[in-house]
C-alpha atoms as a PDB file:
ATOM      1  CA  MET A   1     134.970  75.342   5.376  1.00  0.00           C
ATOM      2  CA  ASP A   2     134.604  76.095   1.767  1.00  0.00           C
ATOM      3  CA  ALA A   3     131.362  75.652  -0.442  1.00  0.00           C
ATOM      4  CA  ALA A   4     132.119  72.772  -2.336  1.00  0.00           C
ATOM      5  CA  LEU A   5     133.716  70.672   0.678  1.00  0.00           C
ATOM      6  CA  GLN A   6     130.309  70.921   2.853  1.00  0.00           C
ATOM      7  CA  ALA A   7     128.397  70.059  -0.773  1.00  0.00           C
ATOM      8  CA  LEU A   8     130.405  66.985  -0.689  1.00  0.00           C
ATOM      9  CA  LEU A   9     129.290  65.925   2.943  1.00  0.00           C
ATOM     10  CA  ALA A  10     125.887  66.929   2.102  1.00  0.00           C
ATOM     11  CA  LYS A  11     126.050  64.509  -0.710  1.00  0.00           C
ATOM     12  CA  LEU A  12     127.529  62.154   1.497  1.00  0.00           C
ATOM     13  CA  GLU A  13     124.638  62.375   4.153  1.00  0.00           C
ATOM     14  CA  GLU A  14     122.604  62.001   1.988  1.00  0.00           C
ATOM     15  CA  GLN A  15     123.625  59.077  -0.048  1.00  0.00           C
ATOM     16  CA  GLY A  16     124.404  57.341   3.300  1.00  0.00           C
ATOM     17  CA  SER A  17     121.154  57.851   4.755  1.00  0.00           C
ATOM     18  CA  LYS A  18     119.562  56.293   1.497  1.00  0.00           C
ATOM     19  CA  ASN A  19     121.670  53.492   1.370  1.00  0.00           C
ATOM     20  CA  ASP A  20     120.961  52.722   5.357  1.00  0.00           C
ATOM     21  CA  ALA A  21     117.223  52.775   4.746  1.00  0.00           C
ATOM     22  CA  THR A  22     117.202  49.865   2.519  1.00  0.00           C
ATOM     23  CA  GLU A  23     120.570  47.720   3.557  1.00  0.00           C
ATOM     24  CA  SER A  24     119.958  45.250   6.091  1.00  0.00           C
ATOM     25  CA  ASP A  25     123.557  43.865   6.318  1.00  0.00           C
ATOM     26  CA  TYR A  26     125.557  46.002   8.432  1.00  0.00           C
ATOM     27  CA  ARG A  27     128.880  45.240   6.054  1.00  0.00           C
ATOM     28  CA  HIS A  28     126.908  47.543   3.578  1.00  0.00           C
ATOM     29  CA  ARG A  29     125.660  50.269   5.616  1.00  0.00           C
ATOM     30  CA  MET A  30     127.496  53.308   5.784  1.00  0.00           C
ATOM     31  CA  MET A  31     126.302  54.047   9.497  1.00  0.00           C
ATOM     32  CA  ASN A  32     127.447  57.664   9.507  1.00  0.00           C
ATOM     33  CA  LEU A  33     127.471  59.914  12.247  1.00  0.00           C
ATOM     34  CA  GLU A  34     124.397  62.570  12.191  1.00  0.00           C
ATOM     35  CA  PRO A  35     125.611  66.113  10.545  1.00  0.00           C
ATOM     36  CA  ALA A  36     125.631  67.777  14.098  1.00  0.00           C
ATOM     37  CA  THR A  37     127.604  65.734  15.923  1.00  0.00           C
ATOM     38  CA  ALA A  38     130.101  65.326  12.948  1.00  0.00           C
ATOM     39  CA  ARG A  39     130.098  69.224  13.174  1.00  0.00           C
ATOM     40  CA  VAL A  40     130.761  69.104  16.936  1.00  0.00           C
ATOM     41  CA  LEU A  41     133.290  66.883  16.769  1.00  0.00           C
ATOM     42  CA  ALA A  42     135.011  68.442  14.233  1.00  0.00           C
ATOM     43  CA  LEU A  43     134.691  72.234  15.850  1.00  0.00           C
ATOM     44  CA  TRP A  44     135.983  70.177  18.598  1.00  0.00           C
ATOM     45  CA  VAL A  45     138.875  68.563  17.164  1.00  0.00           C
ATOM     46  CA  ARG A  46     139.979  71.864  15.602  1.00  0.00           C
ATOM     47  CA  SER A  47     139.633  74.243  18.030  1.00  0.00           C
ATOM     48  CA  ALA A  48     141.761  71.865  20.524  1.00  0.00           C
ATOM     49  CA  LYS A  49     144.473  72.258  18.095  1.00  0.00           C
ATOM     50  CA  ARG A  50     144.895  68.346  17.841  1.00  0.00           C
ATOM     51  CA  GLN A  51     147.616  66.772  15.379  1.00  0.00           C
ATOM     52  CA  HIS A  52     147.634  63.105  15.981  1.00  0.00           C
ATOM     53  CA  VAL A  53     144.155  61.535  15.663  1.00  0.00           C
ATOM     54  CA  LEU A  54     143.303  58.189  15.475  1.00  0.00           C
ATOM     55  CA  GLU A  55     139.567  57.336  14.291  1.00  0.00           C
ATOM     56  CA  ILE A  56     138.440  53.424  14.638  1.00  0.00           C
ATOM     57  CA  GLY A  57     135.621  52.784  12.091  1.00  0.00           C
ATOM     58  CA  THR A  58     135.708  54.331   8.403  1.00  0.00           C
ATOM     59  CA  SER A  59     133.414  53.439   6.640  1.00  0.00           C
ATOM     60  CA  ASN A  60     132.911  55.601   3.455  1.00  0.00           C
ATOM     61  CA  GLY A  61     135.200  58.118   5.040  1.00  0.00           C
ATOM     62  CA  TYR A  62     132.187  60.889   6.120  1.00  0.00           C
ATOM     63  CA  SER A  63     133.600  61.217   9.795  1.00  0.00           C
ATOM     64  CA  THR A  64     137.139  60.749   8.309  1.00  0.00           C
ATOM     65  CA  ILE A  65     136.582  63.749   6.409  1.00  0.00           C
ATOM     66  CA  TRP A  66     135.324  65.956   8.897  1.00  0.00           C
ATOM     67  CA  LEU A  67     138.365  64.853  11.496  1.00  0.00           C
ATOM     68  CA  ALA A  68     140.700  65.417   8.216  1.00  0.00           C
ATOM     69  CA  TRP A  69     139.220  69.119   7.623  1.00  0.00           C
ATOM     70  CA  ALA A  70     139.755  69.694  11.427  1.00  0.00           C
ATOM     71  CA  VAL A  71     143.475  68.780  11.839  1.00  0.00           C
ATOM     72  CA  SER A  72     144.064  70.301   8.417  1.00  0.00           C
ATOM     73  CA  ALA A  73     144.725  73.459  10.252  1.00  0.00           C
ATOM     74  CA  THR A  74     147.463  72.473  12.288  1.00  0.00           C
ATOM     75  CA  GLY A  75     148.879  70.072   9.643  1.00  0.00           C
ATOM     76  CA  GLY A  76     147.819  67.131  11.418  1.00  0.00           C
ATOM     77  CA  GLN A  77     147.217  63.852  10.648  1.00  0.00           C
ATOM     78  CA  VAL A  78     144.351  61.281  10.819  1.00  0.00           C
ATOM     79  CA  THR A  79     144.833  57.298  11.054  1.00  0.00           C
ATOM     80  CA  SER A  80     141.599  55.414  10.278  1.00  0.00           C
ATOM     81  CA  VAL A  81     141.284  52.070  10.907  1.00  0.00           C
ATOM     82  CA  ASP A  82     138.060  49.875   9.473  1.00  0.00           C
ATOM     83  CA  ARG A  83     138.439  45.737   9.249  1.00  0.00           C
ATOM     84  CA  LEU A  84     136.803  46.134   5.470  1.00  0.00           C
ATOM     85  CA  ALA A  85     138.711  46.868   2.528  1.00  0.00           C
ATOM     86  CA  ASP A  86     135.853  47.647   0.603  1.00  0.00           C
ATOM     87  CA  LYS A  87     135.360  50.329   2.757  1.00  0.00           C
ATOM     88  CA  HIS A  88     138.276  51.795   2.474  1.00  0.00           C
ATOM     89  CA  GLU A  89     138.290  52.138  -0.903  1.00  0.00           C
ATOM     90  CA  LEU A  90     135.147  54.344  -0.759  1.00  0.00           C
ATOM     91  CA  ALA A  91     137.007  56.633   2.059  1.00  0.00           C
ATOM     92  CA  ASP A  92     140.274  56.645  -0.166  1.00  0.00           C
ATOM     93  CA  ALA A  93     137.597  57.772  -3.124  1.00  0.00           C
ATOM     94  CA  ASN A  94     135.797  60.425  -1.126  1.00  0.00           C
ATOM     95  CA  LEU A  95     138.647  61.723   0.537  1.00  0.00           C
ATOM     96  CA  ARG A  96     140.417  62.349  -2.739  1.00  0.00           C
ATOM     97  CA  ARG A  97     136.913  64.114  -3.775  1.00  0.00           C
ATOM     98  CA  ALA A  98     137.506  66.368  -0.194  1.00  0.00           C
ATOM     99  CA  GLY A  99     141.095  66.957  -1.182  1.00  0.00           C
ATOM    100  CA  LEU A 100     142.089  65.571   1.951  1.00  0.00           C
ATOM    101  CA  ARG A 101     143.756  62.101   1.312  1.00  0.00           C
ATOM    102  CA  GLU A 102     147.397  63.171   2.168  1.00  0.00           C
ATOM    103  CA  ARG A 103     145.858  64.325   5.597  1.00  0.00           C
ATOM    104  CA  VAL A 104     144.880  60.447   6.450  1.00  0.00           C
ATOM    105  CA  GLU A 105     146.669  56.662   6.783  1.00  0.00           C
ATOM    106  CA  LEU A 106     144.179  54.690   6.202  1.00  0.00           C
ATOM    107  CA  VAL A 107     144.866  50.953   8.042  1.00  0.00           C
ATOM    108  CA  THR A 108     142.590  47.992   6.835  1.00  0.00           C
ATOM    109  CA  GLY A 109     142.117  45.506   9.572  1.00  0.00           C
ATOM    110  CA  GLU A 110     140.639  43.842  13.194  1.00  0.00           C
ATOM    111  CA  GLY A 111     140.222  46.915  15.232  1.00  0.00           C
ATOM    112  CA  ASN A 112     142.235  45.608  18.902  1.00  0.00           C
ATOM    113  CA  ASP A 113     145.051  44.102  16.016  1.00  0.00           C
ATOM    114  CA  VAL A 114     145.598  47.360  14.474  1.00  0.00           C
ATOM    115  CA  VAL A 115     145.707  49.124  17.409  1.00  0.00           C
ATOM    116  CA  ALA A 116     148.262  46.810  19.329  1.00  0.00           C
ATOM    117  CA  SER A 117     150.532  47.775  16.275  1.00  0.00           C
ATOM    118  CA  LEU A 118     149.699  51.211  16.058  1.00  0.00           C
ATOM    119  CA  PRO A 119     153.176  53.459  17.403  1.00  0.00           C
ATOM    120  CA  GLY A 120     151.108  56.401  18.383  1.00  0.00           C
ATOM    121  CA  PRO A 121     151.277  58.913  19.887  1.00  0.00           C
ATOM    122  CA  PHE A 122     147.582  60.041  19.587  1.00  0.00           C
ATOM    123  CA  ASP A 123     146.249  62.821  21.273  1.00  0.00           C
ATOM    124  CA  CYS A 124     142.429  62.360  19.996  1.00  0.00           C
ATOM    125  CA  VAL A 125     140.814  59.095  19.895  1.00  0.00           C
ATOM    126  CA  PHE A 126     137.325  58.521  18.020  1.00  0.00           C
ATOM    127  CA  PHE A 127     136.089  55.064  18.693  1.00  0.00           C
ATOM    128  CA  ASP A 128     133.007  54.780  15.989  1.00  0.00           C
ATOM    129  CA  ALA A 129     133.039  50.966  15.358  1.00  0.00           C
ATOM    130  CA  ASP A 130     132.423  48.518  17.711  1.00  0.00           C
ATOM    131  CA  ARG A 131     131.423  49.404  20.949  1.00  0.00           C
ATOM    132  CA  PHE A 132     131.764  46.434  22.778  1.00  0.00           C
ATOM    133  CA  SER A 133     135.436  46.690  21.955  1.00  0.00           C
ATOM    134  CA  ILE A 134     136.382  49.830  23.226  1.00  0.00           C
ATOM    135  CA  PRO A 135     137.288  48.869  26.806  1.00  0.00           C
ATOM    136  CA  GLY A 136     140.170  46.814  25.174  1.00  0.00           C
ATOM    137  CA  GLN A 137     140.901  49.179  22.943  1.00  0.00           C
ATOM    138  CA  LEU A 138     141.323  51.913  25.398  1.00  0.00           C
ATOM    139  CA  GLU A 139     143.716  49.685  27.424  1.00  0.00           C
ATOM    140  CA  LEU A 140     146.066  48.589  24.413  1.00  0.00           C
ATOM    141  CA  LEU A 141     146.360  52.449  23.359  1.00  0.00           C
ATOM    142  CA  MET A 142     146.652  54.324  27.291  1.00  0.00           C
ATOM    143  CA  PRO A 143     150.579  53.669  26.995  1.00  0.00           C
ATOM    144  CA  LYS A 144     150.175  55.735  23.027  1.00  0.00           C
ATOM    145  CA  LEU A 145     148.018  58.390  24.265  1.00  0.00           C
ATOM    146  CA  THR A 146     149.721  61.944  24.651  1.00  0.00           C
ATOM    147  CA  PRO A 147     149.019  63.192  28.161  1.00  0.00           C
ATOM    148  CA  ASP A 148     146.773  65.478  26.849  1.00  0.00           C
ATOM    149  CA  VAL A 149     144.248  63.863  25.188  1.00  0.00           C
ATOM    150  CA  LEU A 150     140.696  63.857  23.933  1.00  0.00           C
ATOM    151  CA  LEU A 151     138.272  60.777  23.743  1.00  0.00           C
ATOM    152  CA  PHE A 152     135.157  60.471  21.636  1.00  0.00           C
ATOM    153  CA  SER A 153     132.768  57.859  21.385  1.00  0.00           C
ATOM    154  CA  ASP A 154     128.868  58.667  19.393  1.00  0.00           C
ATOM    155  CA  ASN A 155     125.979  56.384  20.161  1.00  0.00           C
ATOM    156  CA  ALA A 156     126.029  57.456  24.110  1.00  0.00           C
ATOM    157  CA  ILE A 157     122.532  57.768  24.473  1.00  0.00           C
ATOM    158  CA  SER A 158     121.446  55.721  21.767  1.00  0.00           C
ATOM    159  CA  HIS A 159     123.232  52.667  22.677  1.00  0.00           C
ATOM    160  CA  PRO A 160     124.043  52.972  26.575  1.00  0.00           C
ATOM    161  CA  ARG A 161     124.133  49.287  27.361  1.00  0.00           C
ATOM    162  CA  GLU A 162     126.715  48.368  24.747  1.00  0.00           C
ATOM    163  CA  LEU A 163     129.110  51.338  25.896  1.00  0.00           C
ATOM    164  CA  ALA A 164     128.552  50.501  29.217  1.00  0.00           C
ATOM    165  CA  GLY A 165     131.900  48.539  29.579  1.00  0.00           C
ATOM    166  CA  TYR A 166     133.616  51.705  28.331  1.00  0.00           C
ATOM    167  CA  PHE A 167     132.060  54.167  30.345  1.00  0.00           C
ATOM    168  CA  ALA A 168     133.302  51.780  33.516  1.00  0.00           C
ATOM    169  CA  ALA A 169     136.796  51.989  31.991  1.00  0.00           C
ATOM    170  CA  LEU A 170     137.039  55.524  32.343  1.00  0.00           C
ATOM    171  CA  GLU A 171     135.098  56.126  35.672  1.00  0.00           C
ATOM    172  CA  ALA A 172     138.308  53.756  36.435  1.00  0.00           C
ATOM    173  CA  LEU A 173     140.652  56.517  34.984  1.00  0.00           C
ATOM    174  CA  PRO A 174     140.189  59.398  37.615  1.00  0.00           C
ATOM    175  CA  GLU A 175     142.472  61.705  35.776  1.00  0.00           C
ATOM    176  CA  PHE A 176     139.958  61.990  32.972  1.00  0.00           C
ATOM    177  CA  GLU A 177     137.039  63.894  32.984  1.00  0.00           C
ATOM    178  CA  HIS A 178     133.831  62.328  31.051  1.00  0.00           C
ATOM    179  CA  THR A 179     130.610  64.133  29.854  1.00  0.00           C
ATOM    180  CA  ILE A 180     128.013  63.179  27.499  1.00  0.00           C
ATOM    181  CA  VAL A 181     126.894  65.736  25.107  1.00  0.00           C
ATOM    182  CA  PRO A 182     123.075  65.305  24.090  1.00  0.00           C
ATOM    183  CA  VAL A 183     124.018  65.915  20.170  1.00  0.00           C
ATOM    184  CA  GLY A 184     122.607  63.667  17.425  1.00  0.00           C
ATOM    185  CA  LYS A 185     122.524  59.947  19.162  1.00  0.00           C
ATOM    186  CA  GLY A 186     124.928  61.246  22.035  1.00  0.00           C
ATOM    187  CA  LEU A 187     128.613  62.318  22.123  1.00  0.00           C
ATOM    188  CA  SER A 188     130.845  60.880  24.917  1.00  0.00           C
ATOM    189  CA  VAL A 189     133.690  63.240  25.495  1.00  0.00           C
ATOM    190  CA  ALA A 190     136.553  62.553  27.589  1.00  0.00           C
ATOM    191  CA  TYR A 191     139.586  64.691  28.728  1.00  0.00           C
ATOM    192  CA  ARG A 192     143.055  64.263  30.441  1.00  0.00           C
ATOM    193  CA  SER A 193     144.826  67.440  30.742  1.00  0.00           C
ATOM    194  CA  GLY A 194     148.002  66.019  31.624  1.00  0.00           C
ATOM    195  CA  VAL A 195     148.061  68.438  34.225  1.00  0.00           C
ATOM    196  CA  SER A 196     148.133  67.547  38.316  1.00  0.00           C
ATOM    197  CA  PRO A 197     145.377  69.461  39.642  1.00  0.00           C
ATOM    198  CA  GLN A 198     146.092  71.696  42.555  1.00  0.00           C
END
């Protein structure tokens, strides 16, 4: 990652932290990933050579920039969903500043409605919006996931009760391996290789 992009991400980190420290309305909060989590996520996606990434929860585009950088190595694309149009305006501007706008399709709407309408296929999904909605979104996405797929979710350690439904849904899918990486607020990582065990 070049110095200019690192500087932009650092600026967004600072702006997001300052904003969220004083903003009580969640619609106006950025709720960005912690920098260490964002870096781990992006390196994982990049090293796994993902090409069709779905992000649910764009906010100001901080994590979207990381994901777009990750897929740029393979010429991949990110589809990022958020219910708030003003957040997508921020994300659009920030992605343009990052020089990564062409790597991202921004789709505005309610998560479940958008997920139901997307054609896929996706080889990576990052759930980072309403945590209670993830099980339903996963069910909608199952026919649209590649055999070899990675699933990520933030806040696995900080909000385990809110993610309990998602974790239970993963447990009911024996083809997925699941672990929680103790970085930031806890990164949930699930993987299906698409290869039957010997």
